[in-house]
Amino acid sequence: MPSTLLRHRALPLILAVVVITAMLLSPGSTVPSGPPHADKVTHALMFLALALCSRYARISPVVTVVWLGLYGVLTEILQATVAVRRSGSFWDWCADLVGVAIGLAVAAVVGSRSRARSKP
């Protein structure tokens, strides 16, 4: 596969990382409030999107779990130490990992269906 096509496959991932990092590290006063634990759903959805983008960029499932697990830990540490009016949370990180697992499952189903359609 030509390298330009690989770079194009990485663009959604790069954009998602930039946007989600900005969201995770924005001041707490800019984060809308919602029902209890709504932030866990938000974390899961963000990491689901990152996992889908990672697989679209052809990053293996194992590497996707590792890098997103580390990224989740890093963002929680930064929320606890750097971000204004934010706090890091072990449970937010758990929600991140749930999102990764769901994203990888969705990517696997979509991938198997597209491979099945491409067979003669």
PDB file of N, CA and C in Angstrom:
ATOM      1  N   MET A   1       0.850  -1.174   0.000  1.00  0.00           N
ATOM      2  CA  MET A   1       0.000   0.000   0.000  1.00  0.00           C
ATOM      3  C   MET A   1       0.896   1.237   0.000  1.00  0.00           C
ATOM      4  N   PRO A   2       0.619   2.180  -0.898  1.00  0.00           N
ATOM      5  CA  PRO A   2       1.437   3.388  -0.959  1.00  0.00           C
ATOM      6  C   PRO A   2       1.385   4.163   0.359  1.00  0.00           C
ATOM      7  N   SER A   3       2.514   4.813   0.675  1.00  0.00           N
ATOM      8  CA  SER A   3       2.603   5.529   1.945  1.00  0.00           C
ATOM      9  C   SER A   3       1.619   6.695   2.028  1.00  0.00           C
ATOM     10  N   THR A   4       1.272   7.319   0.898  1.00  0.00           N
ATOM     11  CA  THR A   4       0.309   8.424   0.955  1.00  0.00           C
ATOM     12  C   THR A   4      -1.053   7.928   1.407  1.00  0.00           C
ATOM     13  N   LEU A   5      -1.440   6.730   0.980  1.00  0.00           N
ATOM     14  CA  LEU A   5      -2.714   6.184   1.415  1.00  0.00           C
ATOM     15  C   LEU A   5      -2.684   5.892   2.917  1.00  0.00           C
ATOM     16  N   LEU A   6      -1.553   5.393   3.406  1.00  0.00           N
ATOM     17  CA  LEU A   6      -1.426   5.155   4.848  1.00  0.00           C
ATOM     18  C   LEU A   6      -1.532   6.464   5.617  1.00  0.00           C
ATOM     19  N   ARG A   7      -0.921   7.516   5.109  1.00  0.00           N
ATOM     20  CA  ARG A   7      -1.024   8.821   5.777  1.00  0.00           C
ATOM     21  C   ARG A   7      -2.457   9.314   5.787  1.00  0.00           C
ATOM     22  N   HIS A   8      -3.181   9.104   4.697  1.00  0.00           N
ATOM     23  CA  HIS A   8      -4.580   9.520   4.649  1.00  0.00           C
ATOM     24  C   HIS A   8      -5.410   8.720   5.647  1.00  0.00           C
ATOM     25  N   ARG A   9      -5.083   7.457   5.853  1.00  0.00           N
ATOM     26  CA  ARG A   9      -5.790   6.639   6.830  1.00  0.00           C
ATOM     27  C   ARG A   9      -5.512   7.121   8.249  1.00  0.00           C
ATOM     28  N   ALA A  10      -4.367   7.764   8.469  1.00  0.00           N
ATOM     29  CA  ALA A  10      -4.011   8.256   9.804  1.00  0.00           C
ATOM     30  C   ALA A  10      -4.655   9.603  10.127  1.00  0.00           C
ATOM     31  N   LEU A  11      -5.115  10.331   9.118  1.00  0.00           N
ATOM     32  CA  LEU A  11      -5.662  11.668   9.353  1.00  0.00           C
ATOM     33  C   LEU A  11      -6.845  11.669  10.322  1.00  0.00           C
ATOM     34  N   PRO A  12      -7.834  10.766  10.195  1.00  0.00           N
ATOM     35  CA  PRO A  12      -8.930  10.777  11.177  1.00  0.00           C
ATOM     36  C   PRO A  12      -8.437  10.535  12.607  1.00  0.00           C
ATOM     37  N   LEU A  13      -7.445   9.675  12.757  1.00  0.00           N
ATOM     38  CA  LEU A  13      -6.892   9.399  14.084  1.00  0.00           C
ATOM     39  C   LEU A  13      -6.203  10.639  14.647  1.00  0.00           C
ATOM     40  N   ILE A  14      -5.420  11.294  13.845  1.00  0.00           N
ATOM     41  CA  ILE A  14      -4.714  12.502  14.303  1.00  0.00           C
ATOM     42  C   ILE A  14      -5.721  13.567  14.723  1.00  0.00           C
ATOM     43  N   LEU A  15      -6.723  13.785  13.902  1.00  0.00           N
ATOM     44  CA  LEU A  15      -7.759  14.775  14.216  1.00  0.00           C
ATOM     45  C   LEU A  15      -8.502  14.397  15.500  1.00  0.00           C
ATOM     46  N   ALA A  16      -8.856  13.130  15.631  1.00  0.00           N
ATOM     47  CA  ALA A  16      -9.575  12.677  16.830  1.00  0.00           C
ATOM     48  C   ALA A  16      -8.733  12.861  18.082  1.00  0.00           C
ATOM     49  N   VAL A  17      -7.446  12.547  18.013  1.00  0.00           N
ATOM     50  CA  VAL A  17      -6.563  12.712  19.178  1.00  0.00           C
ATOM     51  C   VAL A  17      -6.484  14.184  19.580  1.00  0.00           C
ATOM     52  N   VAL A  18      -6.344  15.065  18.613  1.00  0.00           N
ATOM     53  CA  VAL A  18      -6.243  16.500  18.912  1.00  0.00           C
ATOM     54  C   VAL A  18      -7.533  16.998  19.567  1.00  0.00           C
ATOM     55  N   VAL A  19      -8.674  16.672  18.968  1.00  0.00           N
ATOM     56  CA  VAL A  19      -9.957  17.157  19.481  1.00  0.00           C
ATOM     57  C   VAL A  19     -10.250  16.565  20.863  1.00  0.00           C
ATOM     58  N   ILE A  20     -10.041  15.269  21.028  1.00  0.00           N
ATOM     59  CA  ILE A  20     -10.359  14.611  22.298  1.00  0.00           C
ATOM     60  C   ILE A  20      -9.394  15.062  23.397  1.00  0.00           C
ATOM     61  N   THR A  21      -8.136  15.259  23.063  1.00  0.00           N
ATOM     62  CA  THR A  21      -7.194  15.776  24.062  1.00  0.00           C
ATOM     63  C   THR A  21      -7.633  17.161  24.531  1.00  0.00           C
ATOM     64  N   ALA A  22      -8.032  18.007  23.603  1.00  0.00           N
ATOM     65  CA  ALA A  22      -8.525  19.344  23.973  1.00  0.00           C
ATOM     66  C   ALA A  22      -9.754  19.233  24.870  1.00  0.00           C
ATOM     67  N   MET A  23     -10.650  18.316  24.555  1.00  0.00           N
ATOM     68  CA  MET A  23     -11.849  18.137  25.370  1.00  0.00           C
ATOM     69  C   MET A  23     -11.495  17.641  26.780  1.00  0.00           C
ATOM     70  N   LEU A  24     -10.594  16.671  26.846  1.00  0.00           N
ATOM     71  CA  LEU A  24     -10.246  16.082  28.140  1.00  0.00           C
ATOM     72  C   LEU A  24      -9.477  17.048  29.037  1.00  0.00           C
ATOM     73  N   LEU A  25      -8.749  17.980  28.444  1.00  0.00           N
ATOM     74  CA  LEU A  25      -7.918  18.879  29.241  1.00  0.00           C
ATOM     75  C   LEU A  25      -8.483  20.292  29.330  1.00  0.00           C
ATOM     76  N   SER A  26      -9.702  20.492  28.812  1.00  0.00           N
ATOM     77  CA  SER A  26     -10.311  21.817  28.915  1.00  0.00           C
ATOM     78  C   SER A  26     -10.687  22.088  30.370  1.00  0.00           C
ATOM     79  N   PRO A  27     -10.751  23.367  30.744  1.00  0.00           N
ATOM     80  CA  PRO A  27     -11.115  23.687  32.129  1.00  0.00           C
ATOM     81  C   PRO A  27     -12.467  23.084  32.509  1.00  0.00           C
ATOM     82  N   GLY A  28     -12.574  22.656  33.748  1.00  0.00           N
ATOM     83  CA  GLY A  28     -13.795  22.014  34.230  1.00  0.00           C
ATOM     84  C   GLY A  28     -15.025  22.885  34.093  1.00  0.00           C
ATOM     85  N   SER A  29     -14.850  24.199  34.135  1.00  0.00           N
ATOM     86  CA  SER A  29     -16.004  25.095  34.029  1.00  0.00           C
ATOM     87  C   SER A  29     -16.612  25.083  32.632  1.00  0.00           C
ATOM     88  N   THR A  30     -15.886  24.585  31.634  1.00  0.00           N
ATOM     89  CA  THR A  30     -16.413  24.544  30.270  1.00  0.00           C
ATOM     90  C   THR A  30     -17.114  23.226  29.961  1.00  0.00           C
ATOM     91  N   VAL A  31     -17.060  22.277  30.888  1.00  0.00           N
ATOM     92  CA  VAL A  31     -17.661  20.963  30.675  1.00  0.00           C
ATOM     93  C   VAL A  31     -19.107  21.007  31.142  1.00  0.00           C
ATOM     94  N   PRO A  32     -20.057  20.699  30.246  1.00  0.00           N
ATOM     95  CA  PRO A  32     -21.458  20.735  30.672  1.00  0.00           C
ATOM     96  C   PRO A  32     -21.741  19.649  31.709  1.00  0.00           C
ATOM     97  N   SER A  33     -22.636  19.960  32.621  1.00  0.00           N
ATOM     98  CA  SER A  33     -23.003  18.955  33.624  1.00  0.00           C
ATOM     99  C   SER A  33     -24.167  18.129  33.073  1.00  0.00           C
ATOM    100  N   GLY A  34     -24.320  16.957  33.620  1.00  0.00           N
ATOM    101  CA  GLY A  34     -25.391  16.069  33.182  1.00  0.00           C
ATOM    102  C   GLY A  34     -25.791  15.165  34.323  1.00  0.00           C
ATOM    103  N   PRO A  35     -26.528  14.127  33.996  1.00  0.00           N
ATOM    104  CA  PRO A  35     -26.924  13.180  35.031  1.00  0.00           C
ATOM    105  C   PRO A  35     -25.694  12.510  35.648  1.00  0.00           C
ATOM    106  N   PRO A  36     -25.850  11.931  36.825  1.00  0.00           N
ATOM    107  CA  PRO A  36     -24.715  11.252  37.452  1.00  0.00           C
ATOM    108  C   PRO A  36     -24.102  10.217  36.505  1.00  0.00           C
ATOM    109  N   HIS A  37     -22.807  10.198  36.455  1.00  0.00           N
ATOM    110  CA  HIS A  37     -22.007   9.252  35.672  1.00  0.00           C
ATOM    111  C   HIS A  37     -22.114   9.446  34.157  1.00  0.00           C
ATOM    112  N   ALA A  38     -22.710  10.546  33.723  1.00  0.00           N
ATOM    113  CA  ALA A  38     -22.772  10.822  32.282  1.00  0.00           C
ATOM    114  C   ALA A  38     -21.372  10.982  31.711  1.00  0.00           C
ATOM    115  N   ASP A  39     -20.441  11.449  32.542  1.00  0.00           N
ATOM    116  CA  ASP A  39     -19.071  11.608  32.066  1.00  0.00           C
ATOM    117  C   ASP A  39     -18.446  10.263  31.706  1.00  0.00           C
ATOM    118  N   LYS A  40     -18.886   9.185  32.336  1.00  0.00           N
ATOM    119  CA  LYS A  40     -18.348   7.850  32.007  1.00  0.00           C
ATOM    120  C   LYS A  40     -18.779   7.456  30.599  1.00  0.00           C
ATOM    121  N   VAL A  41     -20.017   7.768  30.253  1.00  0.00           N
ATOM    122  CA  VAL A  41     -20.513   7.484  28.900  1.00  0.00           C
ATOM    123  C   VAL A  41     -19.715   8.309  27.888  1.00  0.00           C
ATOM    124  N   THR A  42     -19.457   9.566  28.230  1.00  0.00           N
ATOM    125  CA  THR A  42     -18.683  10.432  27.341  1.00  0.00           C
ATOM    126  C   THR A  42     -17.277   9.881  27.144  1.00  0.00           C
ATOM    127  N   HIS A  43     -16.636   9.454  28.232  1.00  0.00           N
ATOM    128  CA  HIS A  43     -15.298   8.862  28.123  1.00  0.00           C
ATOM    129  C   HIS A  43     -15.340   7.625  27.224  1.00  0.00           C
ATOM    130  N   ALA A  44     -16.314   6.753  27.440  1.00  0.00           N
ATOM    131  CA  ALA A  44     -16.408   5.533  26.636  1.00  0.00           C
ATOM    132  C   ALA A  44     -16.599   5.876  25.157  1.00  0.00           C
ATOM    133  N   LEU A  45     -17.441   6.855  24.856  1.00  0.00           N
ATOM    134  CA  LEU A  45     -17.683   7.226  23.455  1.00  0.00           C
ATOM    135  C   LEU A  45     -16.441   7.835  22.805  1.00  0.00           C
ATOM    136  N   MET A  46     -15.718   8.660  23.564  1.00  0.00           N
ATOM    137  CA  MET A  46     -14.493   9.245  23.000  1.00  0.00           C
ATOM    138  C   MET A  46     -13.475   8.158  22.672  1.00  0.00           C
ATOM    139  N   PHE A  47     -13.307   7.197  23.579  1.00  0.00           N
ATOM    140  CA  PHE A  47     -12.303   6.158  23.358  1.00  0.00           C
ATOM    141  C   PHE A  47     -12.788   5.120  22.348  1.00  0.00           C
ATOM    142  N   LEU A  48     -14.090   4.946  22.224  1.00  0.00           N
ATOM    143  CA  LEU A  48     -14.637   4.116  21.144  1.00  0.00           C
ATOM    144  C   LEU A  48     -14.232   4.728  19.805  1.00  0.00           C
ATOM    145  N   ALA A  49     -14.416   6.036  19.677  1.00  0.00           N
ATOM    146  CA  ALA A  49     -14.047   6.731  18.433  1.00  0.00           C
ATOM    147  C   ALA A  49     -12.548   6.615  18.159  1.00  0.00           C
ATOM    148  N   LEU A  50     -11.733   6.766  19.210  1.00  0.00           N
ATOM    149  CA  LEU A  50     -10.290   6.638  19.024  1.00  0.00           C
ATOM    150  C   LEU A  50      -9.906   5.225  18.581  1.00  0.00           C
ATOM    151  N   ALA A  51     -10.552   4.219  19.162  1.00  0.00           N
ATOM    152  CA  ALA A  51     -10.254   2.835  18.775  1.00  0.00           C
ATOM    153  C   ALA A  51     -10.643   2.590  17.318  1.00  0.00           C
ATOM    154  N   LEU A  52     -11.799   3.098  16.898  1.00  0.00           N
ATOM    155  CA  LEU A  52     -12.211   2.936  15.497  1.00  0.00           C
ATOM    156  C   LEU A  52     -11.221   3.628  14.562  1.00  0.00           C
ATOM    157  N   CYS A  53     -10.815   4.835  14.912  1.00  0.00           N
ATOM    158  CA  CYS A  53      -9.840   5.557  14.083  1.00  0.00           C
ATOM    159  C   CYS A  53      -8.496   4.836  14.058  1.00  0.00           C
ATOM    160  N   SER A  54      -8.106   4.270  15.189  1.00  0.00           N
ATOM    161  CA  SER A  54      -6.846   3.533  15.267  1.00  0.00           C
ATOM    162  C   SER A  54      -6.879   2.316  14.350  1.00  0.00           C
ATOM    163  N   ARG A  55      -7.971   1.593  14.349  1.00  0.00           N
ATOM    164  CA  ARG A  55      -8.096   0.423  13.478  1.00  0.00           C
ATOM    165  C   ARG A  55      -8.187   0.847  12.017  1.00  0.00           C
ATOM    166  N   TYR A  56      -8.878   1.966  11.730  1.00  0.00           N
ATOM    167  CA  TYR A  56      -8.946   2.471  10.366  1.00  0.00           C
ATOM    168  C   TYR A  56      -7.548   2.824   9.861  1.00  0.00           C
ATOM    169  N   ALA A  57      -6.700   3.294  10.769  1.00  0.00           N
ATOM    170  CA  ALA A  57      -5.315   3.614  10.419  1.00  0.00           C
ATOM    171  C   ALA A  57      -4.451   2.358  10.340  1.00  0.00           C
ATOM    172  N   ARG A  58      -5.072   1.208  10.487  1.00  0.00           N
ATOM    173  CA  ARG A  58      -4.420  -0.100  10.390  1.00  0.00           C
ATOM    174  C   ARG A  58      -3.420  -0.362  11.523  1.00  0.00           C
ATOM    175  N   ILE A  59      -3.741   0.157  12.694  1.00  0.00           N
ATOM    176  CA  ILE A  59      -2.965  -0.152  13.891  1.00  0.00           C
ATOM    177  C   ILE A  59      -3.588  -1.401  14.490  1.00  0.00           C
ATOM    178  N   SER A  60      -2.775  -2.373  14.851  1.00  0.00           N
ATOM    179  CA  SER A  60      -3.285  -3.658  15.321  1.00  0.00           C
ATOM    180  C   SER A  60      -4.127  -3.498  16.591  1.00  0.00           C
ATOM    181  N   PRO A  61      -5.027  -4.447  16.845  1.00  0.00           N
ATOM    182  CA  PRO A  61      -5.834  -4.373  18.064  1.00  0.00           C
ATOM    183  C   PRO A  61      -4.994  -4.335  19.341  1.00  0.00           C
ATOM    184  N   VAL A  62      -3.935  -5.138  19.402  1.00  0.00           N
ATOM    185  CA  VAL A  62      -3.099  -5.161  20.607  1.00  0.00           C
ATOM    186  C   VAL A  62      -2.432  -3.803  20.826  1.00  0.00           C
ATOM    187  N   VAL A  63      -1.856  -3.254  19.769  1.00  0.00           N
ATOM    188  CA  VAL A  63      -1.206  -1.946  19.885  1.00  0.00           C
ATOM    189  C   VAL A  63      -2.245  -0.875  20.212  1.00  0.00           C
ATOM    190  N   THR A  64      -3.433  -0.980  19.656  1.00  0.00           N
ATOM    191  CA  THR A  64      -4.509  -0.034  19.951  1.00  0.00           C
ATOM    192  C   THR A  64      -4.857  -0.055  21.436  1.00  0.00           C
ATOM    193  N   VAL A  65      -5.004  -1.244  22.013  1.00  0.00           N
ATOM    194  CA  VAL A  65      -5.311  -1.349  23.446  1.00  0.00           C
ATOM    195  C   VAL A  65      -4.187  -0.729  24.272  1.00  0.00           C
ATOM    196  N   VAL A  66      -2.954  -1.022  23.909  1.00  0.00           N
ATOM    197  CA  VAL A  66      -1.813  -0.522  24.688  1.00  0.00           C
ATOM    198  C   VAL A  66      -1.728   0.996  24.608  1.00  0.00           C
ATOM    199  N   TRP A  67      -1.751   1.550  23.395  1.00  0.00           N
ATOM    200  CA  TRP A  67      -1.548   2.997  23.299  1.00  0.00           C
ATOM    201  C   TRP A  67      -2.726   3.762  23.865  1.00  0.00           C
ATOM    202  N   LEU A  68      -3.944   3.263  23.684  1.00  0.00           N
ATOM    203  CA  LEU A  68      -5.099   3.969  24.245  1.00  0.00           C
ATOM    204  C   LEU A  68      -5.178   3.804  25.764  1.00  0.00           C
ATOM    205  N   GLY A  69      -4.736   2.660  26.283  1.00  0.00           N
ATOM    206  CA  GLY A  69      -4.671   2.494  27.735  1.00  0.00           C
ATOM    207  C   GLY A  69      -3.696   3.496  28.349  1.00  0.00           C
ATOM    208  N   LEU A  70      -2.533   3.636  27.715  1.00  0.00           N
ATOM    209  CA  LEU A  70      -1.532   4.597  28.200  1.00  0.00           C
ATOM    210  C   LEU A  70      -2.003   6.042  28.012  1.00  0.00           C
ATOM    211  N   TYR A  71      -2.633   6.315  26.881  1.00  0.00           N
ATOM    212  CA  TYR A  71      -3.168   7.659  26.619  1.00  0.00           C
ATOM    213  C   TYR A  71      -4.224   8.012  27.671  1.00  0.00           C
ATOM    214  N   GLY A  72      -5.072   7.053  28.009  1.00  0.00           N
ATOM    215  CA  GLY A  72      -6.093   7.283  29.026  1.00  0.00           C
ATOM    216  C   GLY A  72      -5.484   7.582  30.385  1.00  0.00           C
ATOM    217  N   VAL A  73      -4.460   6.820  30.771  1.00  0.00           N
ATOM    218  CA  VAL A  73      -3.772   7.070  32.044  1.00  0.00           C
ATOM    219  C   VAL A  73      -3.145   8.464  32.026  1.00  0.00           C
ATOM    220  N   LEU A  74      -2.469   8.788  30.938  1.00  0.00           N
ATOM    221  CA  LEU A  74      -1.816  10.091  30.828  1.00  0.00           C
ATOM    222  C   LEU A  74      -2.829  11.231  30.954  1.00  0.00           C
ATOM    223  N   THR A  75      -3.960  11.128  30.266  1.00  0.00           N
ATOM    224  CA  THR A  75      -4.944  12.218  30.335  1.00  0.00           C
ATOM    225  C   THR A  75      -5.542  12.333  31.734  1.00  0.00           C
ATOM    226  N   GLU A  76      -5.720  11.219  32.423  1.00  0.00           N
ATOM    227  CA  GLU A  76      -6.236  11.281  33.798  1.00  0.00           C
ATOM    228  C   GLU A  76      -5.213  11.928  34.729  1.00  0.00           C
ATOM    229  N   ILE A  77      -3.940  11.611  34.550  1.00  0.00           N
ATOM    230  CA  ILE A  77      -2.894  12.243  35.360  1.00  0.00           C
ATOM    231  C   ILE A  77      -2.849  13.742  35.076  1.00  0.00           C
ATOM    232  N   LEU A  78      -2.924  14.114  33.802  1.00  0.00           N
ATOM    233  CA  LEU A  78      -2.909  15.531  33.448  1.00  0.00           C
ATOM    234  C   LEU A  78      -4.137  16.253  33.984  1.00  0.00           C
ATOM    235  N   GLN A  79      -5.293  15.591  33.971  1.00  0.00           N
ATOM    236  CA  GLN A  79      -6.491  16.210  34.546  1.00  0.00           C
ATOM    237  C   GLN A  79      -6.298  16.458  36.041  1.00  0.00           C
ATOM    238  N   ALA A  80      -5.642  15.531  36.718  1.00  0.00           N
ATOM    239  CA  ALA A  80      -5.455  15.652  38.160  1.00  0.00           C
ATOM    240  C   ALA A  80      -4.382  16.684  38.522  1.00  0.00           C
ATOM    241  N   THR A  81      -3.460  16.945  37.603  1.00  0.00           N
ATOM    242  CA  THR A  81      -2.325  17.803  37.967  1.00  0.00           C
ATOM    243  C   THR A  81      -2.270  19.134  37.228  1.00  0.00           C
ATOM    244  N   VAL A  82      -2.735  19.176  35.996  1.00  0.00           N
ATOM    245  CA  VAL A  82      -2.543  20.368  35.178  1.00  0.00           C
ATOM    246  C   VAL A  82      -3.858  21.077  34.858  1.00  0.00           C
ATOM    247  N   ALA A  83      -4.867  20.327  34.476  1.00  0.00           N
ATOM    248  CA  ALA A  83      -6.123  20.925  34.009  1.00  0.00           C
ATOM    249  C   ALA A  83      -6.807  21.699  35.141  1.00  0.00           C
ATOM    250  N   VAL A  84      -7.414  22.807  34.777  1.00  0.00           N
ATOM    251  CA  VAL A  84      -8.083  23.673  35.739  1.00  0.00           C
ATOM    252  C   VAL A  84      -9.462  23.092  36.080  1.00  0.00           C
ATOM    253  N   ARG A  85      -9.716  22.953  37.378  1.00  0.00           N
ATOM    254  CA  ARG A  85     -11.005  22.453  37.877  1.00  0.00           C
ATOM    255  C   ARG A  85     -11.397  21.112  37.264  1.00  0.00           C
ATOM    256  N   ARG A  86     -10.419  20.231  37.115  1.00  0.00           N
ATOM    257  CA  ARG A  86     -10.656  18.869  36.647  1.00  0.00           C
ATOM    258  C   ARG A  86     -10.016  17.936  37.651  1.00  0.00           C
ATOM    259  N   SER A  87     -10.431  16.690  37.636  1.00  0.00           N
ATOM    260  CA  SER A  87      -9.794  15.710  38.515  1.00  0.00           C
ATOM    261  C   SER A  87      -9.635  14.406  37.755  1.00  0.00           C
ATOM    262  N   GLY A  88      -8.533  13.738  38.006  1.00  0.00           N
ATOM    263  CA  GLY A  88      -8.307  12.439  37.401  1.00  0.00           C
ATOM    264  C   GLY A  88      -9.133  11.394  38.124  1.00  0.00           C
ATOM    265  N   SER A  89      -9.504  10.346  37.416  1.00  0.00           N
ATOM    266  CA  SER A  89     -10.360   9.330  38.010  1.00  0.00           C
ATOM    267  C   SER A  89     -10.017   7.949  37.447  1.00  0.00           C
ATOM    268  N   PHE A  90      -9.821   7.004  38.352  1.00  0.00           N
ATOM    269  CA  PHE A  90      -9.620   5.613  37.954  1.00  0.00           C
ATOM    270  C   PHE A  90     -10.838   5.112  37.178  1.00  0.00           C
ATOM    271  N   TRP A  91     -12.037   5.507  37.605  1.00  0.00           N
ATOM    272  CA  TRP A  91     -13.263   5.037  36.948  1.00  0.00           C
ATOM    273  C   TRP A  91     -13.430   5.631  35.562  1.00  0.00           C
ATOM    274  N   ASP A  92     -12.949   6.850  35.359  1.00  0.00           N
ATOM    275  CA  ASP A  92     -12.959   7.410  34.004  1.00  0.00           C
ATOM    276  C   ASP A  92     -12.052   6.582  33.101  1.00  0.00           C
ATOM    277  N   TRP A  93     -10.889   6.188  33.628  1.00  0.00           N
ATOM    278  CA  TRP A  93      -9.978   5.351  32.853  1.00  0.00           C
ATOM    279  C   TRP A  93     -10.622   4.007  32.530  1.00  0.00           C
ATOM    280  N   CYS A  94     -11.356   3.436  33.477  1.00  0.00           N
ATOM    281  CA  CYS A  94     -12.079   2.180  33.212  1.00  0.00           C
ATOM    282  C   CYS A  94     -13.103   2.380  32.096  1.00  0.00           C
ATOM    283  N   ALA A  95     -13.796   3.515  32.112  1.00  0.00           N
ATOM    284  CA  ALA A  95     -14.752   3.823  31.044  1.00  0.00           C
ATOM    285  C   ALA A  95     -14.026   3.971  29.709  1.00  0.00           C
ATOM    286  N   ASP A  96     -12.830   4.554  29.743  1.00  0.00           N
ATOM    287  CA  ASP A  96     -12.016   4.645  28.519  1.00  0.00           C
ATOM    288  C   ASP A  96     -11.765   3.257  27.941  1.00  0.00           C
ATOM    289  N   LEU A  97     -11.379   2.321  28.803  1.00  0.00           N
ATOM    290  CA  LEU A  97     -11.069   0.959  28.349  1.00  0.00           C
ATOM    291  C   LEU A  97     -12.309   0.235  27.837  1.00  0.00           C
ATOM    292  N   VAL A  98     -13.462   0.490  28.440  1.00  0.00           N
ATOM    293  CA  VAL A  98     -14.716  -0.081  27.931  1.00  0.00           C
ATOM    294  C   VAL A  98     -14.974   0.444  26.519  1.00  0.00           C
ATOM    295  N   GLY A  99     -14.759   1.735  26.317  1.00  0.00           N
ATOM    296  CA  GLY A  99     -14.925   2.324  24.981  1.00  0.00           C
ATOM    297  C   GLY A  99     -13.982   1.707  23.962  1.00  0.00           C
ATOM    298  N   VAL A 100     -12.738   1.461  24.377  1.00  0.00           N
ATOM    299  CA  VAL A 100     -11.765   0.815  23.481  1.00  0.00           C
ATOM    300  C   VAL A 100     -12.260  -0.580  23.106  1.00  0.00           C
ATOM    301  N   ALA A 101     -12.723  -1.343  24.083  1.00  0.00           N
ATOM    302  CA  ALA A 101     -13.195  -2.705  23.814  1.00  0.00           C
ATOM    303  C   ALA A 101     -14.388  -2.698  22.851  1.00  0.00           C
ATOM    304  N   ILE A 102     -15.320  -1.794  23.071  1.00  0.00           N
ATOM    305  CA  ILE A 102     -16.486  -1.709  22.174  1.00  0.00           C
ATOM    306  C   ILE A 102     -16.040  -1.273  20.780  1.00  0.00           C
ATOM    307  N   GLY A 103     -15.134  -0.304  20.713  1.00  0.00           N
ATOM    308  CA  GLY A 103     -14.631   0.158  19.417  1.00  0.00           C
ATOM    309  C   GLY A 103     -13.940  -0.946  18.642  1.00  0.00           C
ATOM    310  N   LEU A 104     -13.124  -1.747  19.337  1.00  0.00           N
ATOM    311  CA  LEU A 104     -12.453  -2.860  18.664  1.00  0.00           C
ATOM    312  C   LEU A 104     -13.451  -3.912  18.201  1.00  0.00           C
ATOM    313  N   ALA A 105     -14.482  -4.153  18.997  1.00  0.00           N
ATOM    314  CA  ALA A 105     -15.515  -5.122  18.598  1.00  0.00           C
ATOM    315  C   ALA A 105     -16.261  -4.636  17.360  1.00  0.00           C
ATOM    316  N   VAL A 106     -16.625  -3.366  17.345  1.00  0.00           N
ATOM    317  CA  VAL A 106     -17.320  -2.802  16.179  1.00  0.00           C
ATOM    318  C   VAL A 106     -16.421  -2.876  14.949  1.00  0.00           C
ATOM    319  N   ALA A 107     -15.150  -2.519  15.107  1.00  0.00           N
ATOM    320  CA  ALA A 107     -14.208  -2.567  13.980  1.00  0.00           C
ATOM    321  C   ALA A 107     -14.062  -3.993  13.455  1.00  0.00           C
ATOM    322  N   ALA A 108     -14.040  -4.972  14.347  1.00  0.00           N
ATOM    323  CA  ALA A 108     -13.914  -6.371  13.917  1.00  0.00           C
ATOM    324  C   ALA A 108     -15.150  -6.820  13.134  1.00  0.00           C
ATOM    325  N   VAL A 109     -16.324  -6.431  13.589  1.00  0.00           N
ATOM    326  CA  VAL A 109     -17.563  -6.812  12.885  1.00  0.00           C
ATOM    327  C   VAL A 109     -17.613  -6.143  11.513  1.00  0.00           C
ATOM    328  N   VAL A 110     -17.327  -4.859  11.472  1.00  0.00           N
ATOM    329  CA  VAL A 110     -17.342  -4.128  10.197  1.00  0.00           C
ATOM    330  C   VAL A 110     -16.300  -4.708   9.246  1.00  0.00           C
ATOM    331  N   GLY A 111     -15.117  -5.002   9.769  1.00  0.00           N
ATOM    332  CA  GLY A 111     -14.055  -5.574   8.933  1.00  0.00           C
ATOM    333  C   GLY A 111     -14.418  -6.931   8.382  1.00  0.00           C
ATOM    334  N   SER A 112     -15.031  -7.775   9.197  1.00  0.00           N
ATOM    335  CA  SER A 112     -15.396  -9.111   8.715  1.00  0.00           C
ATOM    336  C   SER A 112     -16.512  -9.025   7.682  1.00  0.00           C
ATOM    337  N   ARG A 113     -17.432  -8.084   7.867  1.00  0.00           N
ATOM    338  CA  ARG A 113     -18.508  -7.926   6.872  1.00  0.00           C
ATOM    339  C   ARG A 113     -17.966  -7.404   5.547  1.00  0.00           C
ATOM    340  N   SER A 114     -17.034  -6.473   5.599  1.00  0.00           N
ATOM    341  CA  SER A 114     -16.499  -5.936   4.342  1.00  0.00           C
ATOM    342  C   SER A 114     -15.643  -6.974   3.639  1.00  0.00           C
ATOM    343  N   ARG A 115     -14.923  -7.821   4.406  1.00  0.00           N
ATOM    344  CA  ARG A 115     -14.146  -8.904   3.770  1.00  0.00           C
ATOM    345  C   ARG A 115     -15.086  -9.921   3.135  1.00  0.00           C
ATOM    346  N   ALA A 116     -16.199 -10.211   3.799  1.00  0.00           N
ATOM    347  CA  ALA A 116     -17.154 -11.175   3.265  1.00  0.00           C
ATOM    348  C   ALA A 116     -17.781 -10.653   1.971  1.00  0.00           C
ATOM    349  N   ARG A 117     -18.052  -9.359   1.895  1.00  0.00           N
ATOM    350  CA  ARG A 117     -18.636  -8.771   0.689  1.00  0.00           C
ATOM    351  C   ARG A 117     -17.654  -8.743  -0.464  1.00  0.00           C
ATOM    352  N   SER A 118     -16.368  -8.628  -0.172  1.00  0.00           N
ATOM    353  CA  SER A 118     -15.374  -8.530  -1.247  1.00  0.00           C
ATOM    354  C   SER A 118     -14.996  -9.883  -1.827  1.00  0.00           C
ATOM    355  N   LYS A 119     -15.402 -10.977  -1.176  1.00  0.00           N
ATOM    356  CA  LYS A 119     -15.116 -12.307  -1.720  1.00  0.00           C
ATOM    357  C   LYS A 119     -16.043 -12.594  -2.892  1.00  0.00           C
ATOM    358  N   PRO A 120     -15.508 -13.261  -3.940  1.00  0.00           N
ATOM    359  CA  PRO A 120     -16.340 -13.540  -5.132  1.00  0.00           C
ATOM    360  C   PRO A 120     -17.416 -14.560  -4.858  1.00  0.00           C
TER     361      PRO A 120
END
